[in-house]
Every structure is written in C-alpha cells, then in structure tokens.
C-alpha cells in the first residue's frame, strides 16, 4: 500500500473516532477543507508542519498517527 493511502486511512480513522467532520477537522487544524479532502483521498501528502497541526487538532501525537504506517512500511 502506498504511504499516502496509509496516511489518509490513519487521519480518517482518527477523525472519525472523534466524531469530527472533515470541515471541523480542517478548521481545528487551520488547513483548507479541500486540502484535507484530498489528503484523506490519498491525493495529497502533507508536510511535517501539517502533520503536527492535524495531530494537535486530533489530540494525538505524530507517533500515534504514524507508527502504524511505519510498521507496515518497514515490512514491505
């Protein structure tokens, strides 16, 4: 699986677990809603600063967001 797709899944799962809409998460993270839509569709790959903004808005850490992706990627 491609990294962008894995990150998309991770962000989406975290967002949904908090009951947030894409619109609300984008607002909380200070990013454009269309950008978030593309990120969750696996079309965009965020910068480190955007990952940090998303983590803050999702009340999580980069480690919790990215470790599952790393675990899959390192075995490919």
C-alpha atoms as a PDB file:
ATOM      1  CA  UNK A   1       0.000   0.000   0.000  1.00  0.00           C
ATOM      2  CA  UNK A   2       1.232   3.485  -0.846  1.00  0.00           C
ATOM      3  CA  UNK A   3       2.300   5.777   2.000  1.00  0.00           C
ATOM      4  CA  UNK A   4      -0.186   8.497   1.019  1.00  0.00           C
ATOM      5  CA  UNK A   5      -3.017   5.976   1.209  1.00  0.00           C
ATOM      6  CA  UNK A   6      -1.884   4.710   4.577  1.00  0.00           C
ATOM      7  CA  UNK A   7      -1.656   8.225   5.963  1.00  0.00           C
ATOM      8  CA  UNK A   8      -5.080   9.000   4.507  1.00  0.00           C
ATOM      9  CA  UNK A   9      -6.535   6.000   6.324  1.00  0.00           C
ATOM     10  CA  UNK A  10      -4.849   6.934   9.598  1.00  0.00           C
ATOM     11  CA  UNK A  11      -6.077  10.539   9.539  1.00  0.00           C
ATOM     12  CA  UNK A  12      -9.589   9.446   8.566  1.00  0.00           C
ATOM     13  CA  UNK A  13      -9.737   6.827  11.332  1.00  0.00           C
ATOM     14  CA  UNK A  14      -8.560   9.308  13.967  1.00  0.00           C
ATOM     15  CA  UNK A  15     -11.015  11.949  12.727  1.00  0.00           C
ATOM     16  CA  UNK A  16     -13.956   9.562  12.716  1.00  0.00           C
ATOM     17  CA  UNK A  17     -13.094   8.176  16.161  1.00  0.00           C
ATOM     18  CA  UNK A  18     -13.554  11.720  17.492  1.00  0.00           C
ATOM     19  CA  UNK A  19     -16.782  12.214  15.569  1.00  0.00           C
ATOM     20  CA  UNK A  20     -15.340  15.105  13.575  1.00  0.00           C
ATOM     21  CA  UNK A  21     -16.364  16.105  10.082  1.00  0.00           C
ATOM     22  CA  UNK A  22     -13.706  16.977   7.541  1.00  0.00           C
ATOM     23  CA  UNK A  23     -14.889  20.572   7.768  1.00  0.00           C
ATOM     24  CA  UNK A  24     -14.426  20.671  11.550  1.00  0.00           C
ATOM     25  CA  UNK A  25     -11.024  18.979  11.485  1.00  0.00           C
ATOM     26  CA  UNK A  26      -9.802  21.358   8.795  1.00  0.00           C
ATOM     27  CA  UNK A  27     -10.981  24.288  10.901  1.00  0.00           C
ATOM     28  CA  UNK A  28      -9.320  22.959  14.073  1.00  0.00           C
ATOM     29  CA  UNK A  29      -6.082  22.228  12.235  1.00  0.00           C
ATOM     30  CA  UNK A  30      -6.059  25.551  10.410  1.00  0.00           C
ATOM     31  CA  UNK A  31      -5.912  23.969   6.976  1.00  0.00           C
ATOM     32  CA  UNK A  32      -8.089  24.211   3.901  1.00  0.00           C
ATOM     33  CA  UNK A  33     -11.003  21.766   3.865  1.00  0.00           C
ATOM     34  CA  UNK A  34     -10.358  20.842   0.215  1.00  0.00           C
ATOM     35  CA  UNK A  35      -6.729  20.066   1.095  1.00  0.00           C
ATOM     36  CA  UNK A  36      -7.918  17.726   3.874  1.00  0.00           C
ATOM     37  CA  UNK A  37     -10.371  16.062   1.494  1.00  0.00           C
ATOM     38  CA  UNK A  38      -7.539  15.385  -0.936  1.00  0.00           C
ATOM     39  CA  UNK A  39      -5.293  14.174   1.885  1.00  0.00           C
ATOM     40  CA  UNK A  40      -7.941  11.688   3.023  1.00  0.00           C
ATOM     41  CA  UNK A  41      -8.386  10.581  -0.588  1.00  0.00           C
ATOM     42  CA  UNK A  42      -4.664   9.811  -0.785  1.00  0.00           C
ATOM     43  CA  UNK A  43      -4.043  12.577  -3.313  1.00  0.00           C
ATOM     44  CA  UNK A  44      -2.005  14.891  -1.060  1.00  0.00           C
ATOM     45  CA  UNK A  45       0.999  14.162   1.097  1.00  0.00           C
ATOM     46  CA  UNK A  46       1.250  16.635   3.977  1.00  0.00           C
ATOM     47  CA  UNK A  47       4.318  18.454   5.204  1.00  0.00           C
ATOM     48  CA  UNK A  48       5.611  17.836   8.693  1.00  0.00           C
ATOM     49  CA  UNK A  49       4.014  21.080   9.885  1.00  0.00           C
ATOM     50  CA  UNK A  50       0.610  19.958   8.567  1.00  0.00           C
ATOM     51  CA  UNK A  51       1.034  16.584  10.296  1.00  0.00           C
ATOM     52  CA  UNK A  52       1.728  18.449  13.550  1.00  0.00           C
ATOM     53  CA  UNK A  53      -1.337  20.687  13.020  1.00  0.00           C
ATOM     54  CA  UNK A  54      -3.512  17.627  12.386  1.00  0.00           C
ATOM     55  CA  UNK A  55      -2.153  15.835  15.434  1.00  0.00           C
ATOM     56  CA  UNK A  56      -2.872  18.823  17.640  1.00  0.00           C
ATOM     57  CA  UNK A  57      -6.423  19.062  16.265  1.00  0.00           C
ATOM     58  CA  UNK A  58      -6.905  15.290  16.689  1.00  0.00           C
ATOM     59  CA  UNK A  59      -5.477  15.393  20.217  1.00  0.00           C
ATOM     60  CA  UNK A  60      -2.871  12.807  19.330  1.00  0.00           C
ATOM     61  CA  UNK A  61       0.845  12.642  18.679  1.00  0.00           C
ATOM     62  CA  UNK A  62       2.755  12.188  15.441  1.00  0.00           C
ATOM     63  CA  UNK A  63       3.977   8.865  16.832  1.00  0.00           C
ATOM     64  CA  UNK A  64       0.435   7.557  17.307  1.00  0.00           C
ATOM     65  CA  UNK A  65      -0.596   8.779  13.873  1.00  0.00           C
ATOM     66  CA  UNK A  66       2.467   7.488  12.012  1.00  0.00           C
ATOM     67  CA  UNK A  67       3.624   4.359  13.886  1.00  0.00           C
ATOM     68  CA  UNK A  68       1.012   2.067  12.308  1.00  0.00           C
ATOM     69  CA  UNK A  69       2.148   3.302   8.894  1.00  0.00           C
ATOM     70  CA  UNK A  70       5.796   2.706   9.788  1.00  0.00           C
ATOM     71  CA  UNK A  71       5.013  -0.812  10.996  1.00  0.00           C
ATOM     72  CA  UNK A  72       3.508  -1.710   7.601  1.00  0.00           C
ATOM     73  CA  UNK A  73       6.101   0.146   5.541  1.00  0.00           C
ATOM     74  CA  UNK A  74       9.163  -1.363   7.202  1.00  0.00           C
ATOM     75  CA  UNK A  75       7.979  -4.868   6.249  1.00  0.00           C
ATOM     76  CA  UNK A  76       7.444  -4.018   2.566  1.00  0.00           C
END
